[in-house]
Every structure is written in structure tokens, then in C-alpha cells.
Amino acid sequence: MTKLSVNINKIATIRNARGGNNPDIIKVAIDCQNFGAEGITVHPRPDERHIRYDDVVKLRYVVYTEFNIEGNPTQDFIDLVLKVKPEQVTLVPDAPDAITSNAGWDTIKHNGFLKEVIAQFHSKGIRTSIFLDPITEQVYGAKETGTDRIEFYTEHYAVNYPTNPKSAISDYVKASKIAKELGLGINAGHDLSLDNLNYFKQNIDGLLEVSIGHALICDSLYLGLHNTIQLYKKQLL
């Protein structure tokens, strides 16, 4: 079964808009797990506009499923991950001013850098994943870095799914077959939703985990958090 990891960045965005501690990030993380999520994802950025570095430290004490920390491996980020020791770190090449992640790694151009960073995380027993576009050459490049998994950047799929699902998924199917042959685990995330998640799951063999934040939190405003998590999990059966 594919695991659902809930990205709680948007909850932190709401909290930060008014200051204080409402909603409570720690409580939300505990609730998501109690409601059936198999993991919690956070993506701290240098300006701490949503998840803060101290949030990440505090969350380590309450995440009893799988803690996944995403981010661009700057030295501050690396130090944070090595301190917190999550089950998984997902490396994302987003610029400091990016609103959200918008591209995967060039694993060929940055191969040496990724090798060095991944080796540091492996030395502490932290599983690694590389945020990746569904491009054959990049999958091969990811393998050379020593990463355990890749996470497909799925915005292209989500944008094209409503008009042509088969075309939207085709590059991901090809890339996932290569990843599986190379022994790489497969995760996915970005703009996956109740509308497109099941089709992605059914067509990507060996999909281990999806990380979903924006759509899931938006749905929970109407459907409730407990019910929404259950609905997303049903899409992964």
C-alpha cells in the first residue's frame, strides 16, 4: 500500500498570519497521524514563512509514523536534518524566493554535490529522496548519487490530467519503470489531489509514498481533516 504523508506547511502559514499558536502545529501533526496518515512532511525555508526551524525540532518528539523533511540542502538545512534525524529527507532544488517547489534536480550537473550531501545523511541512518522530473537521464543520474529514492515532481501530471490523463502520466510511467529496474524507491508529490491521485497510483508500479499538502488542507476546510485523510487514503488502495 502507498503511504500518505501529510505536508503541514499550510497549517503553519495560517498560524503565522496572526502570530501566536493557533492553529497548533504540534496538535495538527498528532491528529493527522491519529486520523490515519502514515507520515508527516514539512518543508522549512530560509525565511521561515511557514514551517519554522524550531517547529521541526519540536515535531520530532511527536511524529511517531514517518517524519519527512523537504528542502534545499543549504548548510543550515543540512545541520537541521542531521540534528533532528528524520526517517527521510527529500532534497528539493527550490530557490529561497520560490513560492513553492517548481522543478526537479539536474542530477547530472549536480551529481557530485548530491553525492556529498547524501553521504552525510546516510552516515546518520537517514533515508534520502531526490525531487525529480520524470526524465530518463535524470533517473539514471539519481542512481549515481547513491540516493535511496526519488520523488516525482507531479505538477506537469496534475495540470494535464483533466484533458488527457494518458498523456499526462506517460513520462512518469516510463521513468518509474527505469527507477524500479535501478532499485530506486518511488515517491511523488506536488498538486496531487482527490481528482487525480487514484489514476496516478494505479499507473505507477511500486509507488511507495505520496506527500500531499495544499490540496488536502484545502479539502479539509469543507470535509474536515479526519474525513479528508480517509478519503485520500482510499485513493491509494
C-alpha atoms as a PDB file:
ATOM      1  CA  MET A   1       0.000   0.000   0.000  1.00  0.00           C
ATOM      2  CA  THR A   2       1.213   3.500  -0.824  1.00  0.00           C
ATOM      3  CA  LYS A   3       1.755   5.635   2.268  1.00  0.00           C
ATOM      4  CA  LEU A   4       0.166   9.052   2.701  1.00  0.00           C
ATOM      5  CA  SER A   5       2.408  11.715   4.220  1.00  0.00           C
ATOM      6  CA  VAL A   6       0.587  14.944   5.057  1.00  0.00           C
ATOM      7  CA  ASN A   7       2.506  18.156   4.424  1.00  0.00           C
ATOM      8  CA  ILE A   8       1.509  20.597   7.175  1.00  0.00           C
ATOM      9  CA  ASN A   9       3.191  23.715   5.773  1.00  0.00           C
ATOM     10  CA  LYS A  10      -0.160  25.361   5.027  1.00  0.00           C
ATOM     11  CA  ILE A  11      -1.226  24.977   8.643  1.00  0.00           C
ATOM     12  CA  ALA A  12       1.887  26.902   9.666  1.00  0.00           C
ATOM     13  CA  THR A  13       1.067  29.589   7.079  1.00  0.00           C
ATOM     14  CA  ILE A  14      -2.302  30.174   8.743  1.00  0.00           C
ATOM     15  CA  ARG A  15      -0.710  30.290  12.191  1.00  0.00           C
ATOM     16  CA  ASN A  16       1.955  32.751  11.109  1.00  0.00           C
ATOM     17  CA  ALA A  17      -0.620  35.089   9.553  1.00  0.00           C
ATOM     18  CA  ARG A  18      -1.834  36.106  13.025  1.00  0.00           C
ATOM     19  CA  GLY A  19       1.047  35.200  15.288  1.00  0.00           C
ATOM     20  CA  GLY A  20       0.555  33.107  18.386  1.00  0.00           C
ATOM     21  CA  ASN A  21      -0.017  29.382  18.177  1.00  0.00           C
ATOM     22  CA  ASN A  22      -3.404  28.934  16.537  1.00  0.00           C
ATOM     23  CA  PRO A  23      -3.653  26.514  14.833  1.00  0.00           C
ATOM     24  CA  ASP A  24      -1.225  24.428  16.864  1.00  0.00           C
ATOM     25  CA  ILE A  25       1.249  22.703  14.536  1.00  0.00           C
ATOM     26  CA  ILE A  26       2.080  20.013  17.073  1.00  0.00           C
ATOM     27  CA  LYS A  27      -1.569  19.125  17.667  1.00  0.00           C
ATOM     28  CA  VAL A  28      -2.280  19.014  13.937  1.00  0.00           C
ATOM     29  CA  ALA A  29       0.634  16.629  13.361  1.00  0.00           C
ATOM     30  CA  ILE A  30      -0.600  14.340  16.132  1.00  0.00           C
ATOM     31  CA  ASP A  31      -4.160  14.488  14.808  1.00  0.00           C
ATOM     32  CA  CYS A  32      -3.105  13.707  11.215  1.00  0.00           C
ATOM     33  CA  GLN A  33      -1.367  10.566  12.418  1.00  0.00           C
ATOM     34  CA  ASN A  34      -4.252   9.561  14.662  1.00  0.00           C
ATOM     35  CA  PHE A  35      -6.595  10.093  11.703  1.00  0.00           C
ATOM     36  CA  GLY A  36      -4.610   7.606   9.602  1.00  0.00           C
ATOM     37  CA  ALA A  37      -1.736   9.463   7.917  1.00  0.00           C
ATOM     38  CA  GLU A  38       1.379   7.296   7.695  1.00  0.00           C
ATOM     39  CA  GLY A  39       3.736  10.252   7.776  1.00  0.00           C
ATOM     40  CA  ILE A  40       4.212  13.983   8.345  1.00  0.00           C
ATOM     41  CA  THR A  41       6.079  16.171   5.859  1.00  0.00           C
ATOM     42  CA  VAL A  42       7.479  19.659   6.433  1.00  0.00           C
ATOM     43  CA  HIS A  43       9.408  21.930   4.107  1.00  0.00           C
ATOM     44  CA  PRO A  44      11.245  24.629   6.086  1.00  0.00           C
ATOM     45  CA  ARG A  45      12.523  27.531   4.002  1.00  0.00           C
ATOM     46  CA  PRO A  46      15.210  30.071   4.897  1.00  0.00           C
ATOM     47  CA  ASP A  47      12.684  32.882   5.556  1.00  0.00           C
ATOM     48  CA  GLU A  48      10.585  30.570   7.776  1.00  0.00           C
ATOM     49  CA  ARG A  49       7.404  31.932   6.213  1.00  0.00           C
ATOM     50  CA  HIS A  50       5.523  28.780   7.175  1.00  0.00           C
ATOM     51  CA  ILE A  51       7.279  25.923   8.990  1.00  0.00           C
ATOM     52  CA  ARG A  52       9.995  27.289  11.267  1.00  0.00           C
ATOM     53  CA  TYR A  53      13.214  25.538  12.163  1.00  0.00           C
ATOM     54  CA  ASP A  54      12.149  25.284  15.800  1.00  0.00           C
ATOM     55  CA  ASP A  55       8.868  23.677  14.657  1.00  0.00           C
ATOM     56  CA  VAL A  56      10.890  20.926  13.030  1.00  0.00           C
ATOM     57  CA  VAL A  57      12.786  20.223  16.244  1.00  0.00           C
ATOM     58  CA  LYS A  58       9.569  20.092  18.291  1.00  0.00           C
ATOM     59  CA  LEU A  59       7.794  17.875  15.760  1.00  0.00           C
ATOM     60  CA  ARG A  60      10.486  15.210  16.067  1.00  0.00           C
ATOM     61  CA  TYR A  61       9.117  14.409  19.532  1.00  0.00           C
ATOM     62  CA  VAL A  62       5.547  13.779  18.339  1.00  0.00           C
ATOM     63  CA  VAL A  63       5.910  12.236  14.878  1.00  0.00           C
ATOM     64  CA  TYR A  64       5.658   8.511  15.563  1.00  0.00           C
ATOM     65  CA  THR A  65       4.953   7.405  11.982  1.00  0.00           C
ATOM     66  CA  GLU A  66       7.458   8.742   9.415  1.00  0.00           C
ATOM     67  CA  PHE A  67       8.989  12.202   9.548  1.00  0.00           C
ATOM     68  CA  ASN A  68       9.939  13.582   6.120  1.00  0.00           C
ATOM     69  CA  ILE A  69      11.832  16.873   5.915  1.00  0.00           C
ATOM     70  CA  GLU A  70      11.991  18.504   2.489  1.00  0.00           C
ATOM     71  CA  GLY A  71      14.215  21.336   1.396  1.00  0.00           C
ATOM     72  CA  ASN A  72      17.133  22.769  -0.475  1.00  0.00           C
ATOM     73  CA  PRO A  73      20.305  21.371   1.146  1.00  0.00           C
ATOM     74  CA  THR A  74      21.902  24.615   2.264  1.00  0.00           C
ATOM     75  CA  GLN A  75      24.265  24.239   5.210  1.00  0.00           C
ATOM     76  CA  ASP A  76      21.583  25.403   7.668  1.00  0.00           C
ATOM     77  CA  PHE A  77      19.164  22.819   6.283  1.00  0.00           C
ATOM     78  CA  ILE A  78      21.760  20.057   6.418  1.00  0.00           C
ATOM     79  CA  ASP A  79      22.592  20.924  10.025  1.00  0.00           C
ATOM     80  CA  LEU A  80      18.896  20.878  10.957  1.00  0.00           C
ATOM     81  CA  VAL A  81      18.283  17.474   9.381  1.00  0.00           C
ATOM     82  CA  LEU A  82      21.377  15.951  10.985  1.00  0.00           C
ATOM     83  CA  LYS A  83      20.195  17.277  14.358  1.00  0.00           C
ATOM     84  CA  VAL A  84      16.587  16.083  14.047  1.00  0.00           C
ATOM     85  CA  LYS A  85      17.348  12.750  12.327  1.00  0.00           C
ATOM     86  CA  PRO A  86      14.045  12.201  10.496  1.00  0.00           C
ATOM     87  CA  GLU A  87      13.233   8.900   8.829  1.00  0.00           C
ATOM     88  CA  GLN A  88      13.554  10.595   5.433  1.00  0.00           C
ATOM     89  CA  VAL A  89      14.998  13.755   3.919  1.00  0.00           C
ATOM     90  CA  THR A  90      13.813  14.889   0.482  1.00  0.00           C
ATOM     91  CA  LEU A  91      16.217  17.153  -1.393  1.00  0.00           C
ATOM     92  CA  VAL A  92      14.474  19.901  -3.376  1.00  0.00           C
ATOM     93  CA  PRO A  93      16.320  22.482  -5.502  1.00  0.00           C
ATOM     94  CA  ASP A  94      13.995  25.402  -4.782  1.00  0.00           C
ATOM     95  CA  ALA A  95      15.279  28.967  -4.750  1.00  0.00           C
ATOM     96  CA  PRO A  96      14.911  30.949  -1.499  1.00  0.00           C
ATOM     97  CA  ASP A  97      12.235  33.178  -3.033  1.00  0.00           C
ATOM     98  CA  ALA A  98      10.237  30.379  -4.682  1.00  0.00           C
ATOM     99  CA  ILE A  99       6.561  30.373  -3.709  1.00  0.00           C
ATOM    100  CA  THR A 100       6.582  26.599  -3.971  1.00  0.00           C
ATOM    101  CA  SER A 101       8.770  23.900  -5.497  1.00  0.00           C
ATOM    102  CA  ASN A 102       8.800  24.243  -9.261  1.00  0.00           C
ATOM    103  CA  ALA A 103      11.397  21.851 -10.723  1.00  0.00           C
ATOM    104  CA  GLY A 104      13.356  18.713 -10.049  1.00  0.00           C
ATOM    105  CA  TRP A 105      17.121  18.343  -9.743  1.00  0.00           C
ATOM    106  CA  ASP A 106      19.529  18.199 -12.626  1.00  0.00           C
ATOM    107  CA  THR A 107      21.168  15.085 -11.204  1.00  0.00           C
ATOM    108  CA  ILE A 108      23.854  15.093 -13.889  1.00  0.00           C
ATOM    109  CA  LYS A 109      25.001  18.681 -13.393  1.00  0.00           C
ATOM    110  CA  HIS A 110      24.816  18.466  -9.583  1.00  0.00           C
ATOM    111  CA  ASN A 111      25.859  14.829  -9.218  1.00  0.00           C
ATOM    112  CA  GLY A 112      28.971  15.459  -7.144  1.00  0.00           C
ATOM    113  CA  PHE A 113      27.203  17.845  -4.781  1.00  0.00           C
ATOM    114  CA  LEU A 114      24.289  15.457  -4.259  1.00  0.00           C
ATOM    115  CA  LYS A 115      26.668  12.562  -3.572  1.00  0.00           C
ATOM    116  CA  GLU A 116      28.381  14.539  -0.823  1.00  0.00           C
ATOM    117  CA  VAL A 117      25.120  15.648   0.807  1.00  0.00           C
ATOM    118  CA  ILE A 118      23.534  12.213   0.624  1.00  0.00           C
ATOM    119  CA  ALA A 119      26.605  10.618   2.166  1.00  0.00           C
ATOM    120  CA  GLN A 120      26.247  12.925   5.179  1.00  0.00           C
ATOM    121  CA  PHE A 121      22.630  11.885   5.702  1.00  0.00           C
ATOM    122  CA  HIS A 122      23.402   8.204   5.206  1.00  0.00           C
ATOM    123  CA  SER A 123      26.092   8.446   7.886  1.00  0.00           C
ATOM    124  CA  LYS A 124      23.282   9.190  10.354  1.00  0.00           C
ATOM    125  CA  GLY A 125      20.976   6.482   9.012  1.00  0.00           C
ATOM    126  CA  ILE A 126      18.603   8.920   7.282  1.00  0.00           C
ATOM    127  CA  ARG A 127      16.878   7.687   4.120  1.00  0.00           C
ATOM    128  CA  THR A 128      17.246  10.081   1.197  1.00  0.00           C
ATOM    129  CA  SER A 129      14.990  11.028  -1.684  1.00  0.00           C
ATOM    130  CA  ILE A 130      15.665  13.385  -4.611  1.00  0.00           C
ATOM    131  CA  PHE A 131      12.919  15.597  -6.075  1.00  0.00           C
ATOM    132  CA  LEU A 132      12.910  14.753  -9.774  1.00  0.00           C
ATOM    133  CA  ASP A 133      11.208  15.491 -13.071  1.00  0.00           C
ATOM    134  CA  PRO A 134      10.161  12.340 -14.983  1.00  0.00           C
ATOM    135  CA  ILE A 135      13.154  12.406 -17.319  1.00  0.00           C
ATOM    136  CA  THR A 136      15.025   9.185 -18.094  1.00  0.00           C
ATOM    137  CA  GLU A 137      18.501  10.689 -17.943  1.00  0.00           C
ATOM    138  CA  GLN A 138      17.777  12.291 -14.600  1.00  0.00           C
ATOM    139  CA  VAL A 139      16.668   8.969 -13.127  1.00  0.00           C
ATOM    140  CA  TYR A 140      19.978   7.402 -14.149  1.00  0.00           C
ATOM    141  CA  GLY A 141      21.772  10.402 -12.685  1.00  0.00           C
ATOM    142  CA  ALA A 142      19.864   9.990  -9.423  1.00  0.00           C
ATOM    143  CA  LYS A 143      21.038   6.408  -9.153  1.00  0.00           C
ATOM    144  CA  GLU A 144      24.647   7.577  -9.386  1.00  0.00           C
ATOM    145  CA  THR A 145      24.211   9.881  -6.389  1.00  0.00           C
ATOM    146  CA  GLY A 146      23.549   6.959  -4.051  1.00  0.00           C
ATOM    147  CA  THR A 147      20.035   8.129  -3.136  1.00  0.00           C
ATOM    148  CA  ASP A 148      17.550   5.608  -1.783  1.00  0.00           C
ATOM    149  CA  ARG A 149      14.510   7.061  -3.517  1.00  0.00           C
ATOM    150  CA  ILE A 150      13.307   9.660  -5.956  1.00  0.00           C
ATOM    151  CA  GLU A 151      10.220  11.825  -5.558  1.00  0.00           C
ATOM    152  CA  PHE A 152       8.485  12.654  -8.816  1.00  0.00           C
ATOM    153  CA  TYR A 153       7.527  16.316  -9.199  1.00  0.00           C
ATOM    154  CA  THR A 154       3.933  15.875 -10.355  1.00  0.00           C
ATOM    155  CA  GLU A 155       2.768  19.366 -11.322  1.00  0.00           C
ATOM    156  CA  HIS A 156       3.012  18.537 -15.045  1.00  0.00           C
ATOM    157  CA  TYR A 157       0.823  15.492 -14.453  1.00  0.00           C
ATOM    158  CA  ALA A 158      -1.737  17.449 -12.421  1.00  0.00           C
ATOM    159  CA  VAL A 159      -2.014  20.257 -14.969  1.00  0.00           C
ATOM    160  CA  ASN A 160      -2.547  17.915 -17.927  1.00  0.00           C
ATOM    161  CA  TYR A 161      -4.612  15.214 -16.223  1.00  0.00           C
ATOM    162  CA  PRO A 162      -8.052  16.876 -16.752  1.00  0.00           C
ATOM    163  CA  THR A 163      -7.698  16.964 -20.543  1.00  0.00           C
ATOM    164  CA  ASN A 164      -5.610  13.873 -21.294  1.00  0.00           C
ATOM    165  CA  PRO A 165      -4.808  11.533 -18.397  1.00  0.00           C
ATOM    166  CA  LYS A 166      -2.958   9.003 -20.556  1.00  0.00           C
ATOM    167  CA  SER A 167      -0.634  11.622 -21.983  1.00  0.00           C
ATOM    168  CA  ALA A 168      -0.180  13.274 -18.594  1.00  0.00           C
ATOM    169  CA  ILE A 169       1.023  10.053 -16.961  1.00  0.00           C
ATOM    170  CA  SER A 170       3.138   8.657 -19.807  1.00  0.00           C
ATOM    171  CA  ASP A 171       6.524  10.185 -18.878  1.00  0.00           C
ATOM    172  CA  TYR A 172       6.046   9.145 -15.253  1.00  0.00           C
ATOM    173  CA  VAL A 173       5.294   5.559 -16.261  1.00  0.00           C
ATOM    174  CA  LYS A 174       8.482   5.382 -18.348  1.00  0.00           C
ATOM    175  CA  ALA A 175      10.638   6.966 -15.671  1.00  0.00           C
ATOM    176  CA  SER A 176       9.172   4.812 -12.899  1.00  0.00           C
ATOM    177  CA  LYS A 177       9.970   1.610 -14.791  1.00  0.00           C
ATOM    178  CA  ILE A 178      13.596   2.673 -15.072  1.00  0.00           C
ATOM    179  CA  ALA A 179      13.714   3.681 -11.407  1.00  0.00           C
ATOM    180  CA  LYS A 180      12.366   0.296 -10.382  1.00  0.00           C
ATOM    181  CA  GLU A 181      14.907  -1.514 -12.578  1.00  0.00           C
ATOM    182  CA  LEU A 182      17.674   0.522 -10.928  1.00  0.00           C
ATOM    183  CA  GLY A 183      16.435  -0.342  -7.444  1.00  0.00           C
ATOM    184  CA  LEU A 184      15.269   3.169  -6.575  1.00  0.00           C
ATOM    185  CA  GLY A 185      12.217   3.646  -4.384  1.00  0.00           C
ATOM    186  CA  ILE A 186       9.499   5.892  -5.821  1.00  0.00           C
ATOM    187  CA  ASN A 187       7.700   8.736  -4.036  1.00  0.00           C
ATOM    188  CA  ALA A 188       5.597  11.502  -5.574  1.00  0.00           C
ATOM    189  CA  GLY A 189       4.272  14.903  -4.687  1.00  0.00           C
ATOM    190  CA  HIS A 190       3.022  18.310  -5.857  1.00  0.00           C
ATOM    191  CA  ASP A 191      -0.560  19.151  -6.839  1.00  0.00           C
ATOM    192  CA  LEU A 192      -1.823  15.624  -6.285  1.00  0.00           C
ATOM    193  CA  SER A 193      -5.473  15.726  -5.258  1.00  0.00           C
ATOM    194  CA  LEU A 194      -8.629  13.691  -4.790  1.00  0.00           C
ATOM    195  CA  ASP A 195      -9.292  14.173  -8.516  1.00  0.00           C
ATOM    196  CA  ASN A 196      -6.026  12.802  -9.889  1.00  0.00           C
ATOM    197  CA  LEU A 197      -4.426  10.716  -7.149  1.00  0.00           C
ATOM    198  CA  ASN A 198      -6.001   7.328  -7.820  1.00  0.00           C
ATOM    199  CA  TYR A 199      -5.126   7.365 -11.527  1.00  0.00           C
ATOM    200  CA  PHE A 200      -1.516   8.173 -10.680  1.00  0.00           C
ATOM    201  CA  LYS A 201      -1.400   5.402  -8.093  1.00  0.00           C
ATOM    202  CA  GLN A 202      -2.874   2.811 -10.458  1.00  0.00           C
ATOM    203  CA  ASN A 203      -0.395   3.592 -13.221  1.00  0.00           C
ATOM    204  CA  ILE A 204       2.859   3.927 -11.256  1.00  0.00           C
ATOM    205  CA  ASP A 205       4.019   0.478 -10.244  1.00  0.00           C
ATOM    206  CA  GLY A 206       5.790   0.400  -6.908  1.00  0.00           C
ATOM    207  CA  LEU A 207       4.683   3.838  -5.685  1.00  0.00           C
ATOM    208  CA  LEU A 208       5.801   3.865  -2.036  1.00  0.00           C
ATOM    209  CA  GLU A 209       4.670   7.229  -0.751  1.00  0.00           C
ATOM    210  CA  VAL A 210       2.899  10.449  -1.693  1.00  0.00           C
ATOM    211  CA  SER A 211       3.382  13.748   0.081  1.00  0.00           C
ATOM    212  CA  ILE A 212       0.311  15.982  -0.132  1.00  0.00           C
ATOM    213  CA  GLY A 213      -0.304  19.340   1.478  1.00  0.00           C
ATOM    214  CA  HIS A 214      -2.092  22.126  -0.374  1.00  0.00           C
ATOM    215  CA  ALA A 215      -4.993  20.181  -1.865  1.00  0.00           C
ATOM    216  CA  LEU A 216      -5.510  18.068   1.247  1.00  0.00           C
ATOM    217  CA  ILE A 217      -5.620  21.086   3.573  1.00  0.00           C
ATOM    218  CA  CYS A 218      -7.991  22.918   1.200  1.00  0.00           C
ATOM    219  CA  ASP A 219     -10.310  19.893   1.087  1.00  0.00           C
ATOM    220  CA  SER A 220     -10.270  19.641   4.864  1.00  0.00           C
ATOM    221  CA  LEU A 221     -11.843  23.112   5.145  1.00  0.00           C
ATOM    222  CA  TYR A 222     -15.009  21.658   3.633  1.00  0.00           C
ATOM    223  CA  LEU A 223     -14.787  17.995   4.551  1.00  0.00           C
ATOM    224  CA  GLY A 224     -12.968  18.004   7.890  1.00  0.00           C
ATOM    225  CA  LEU A 225      -9.413  16.818   8.460  1.00  0.00           C
ATOM    226  CA  HIS A 226     -10.240  13.298   9.653  1.00  0.00           C
ATOM    227  CA  ASN A 227     -12.623  12.623   6.761  1.00  0.00           C
ATOM    228  CA  THR A 228     -10.250  14.157   4.205  1.00  0.00           C
ATOM    229  CA  ILE A 229      -7.321  11.977   5.257  1.00  0.00           C
ATOM    230  CA  GLN A 230      -9.527   8.900   4.980  1.00  0.00           C
ATOM    231  CA  LEU A 231     -10.661   9.938   1.501  1.00  0.00           C
ATOM    232  CA  TYR A 232      -7.073  10.380   0.334  1.00  0.00           C
ATOM    233  CA  LYS A 233      -6.082   7.020   1.766  1.00  0.00           C
ATOM    234  CA  LYS A 234      -8.931   5.366  -0.166  1.00  0.00           C
ATOM    235  CA  GLN A 235      -7.492   6.789  -3.378  1.00  0.00           C
ATOM    236  CA  LEU A 236      -4.264   4.907  -2.630  1.00  0.00           C
ATOM    237  CA  LEU A 237      -5.807   1.461  -2.281  1.00  0.00           C
END
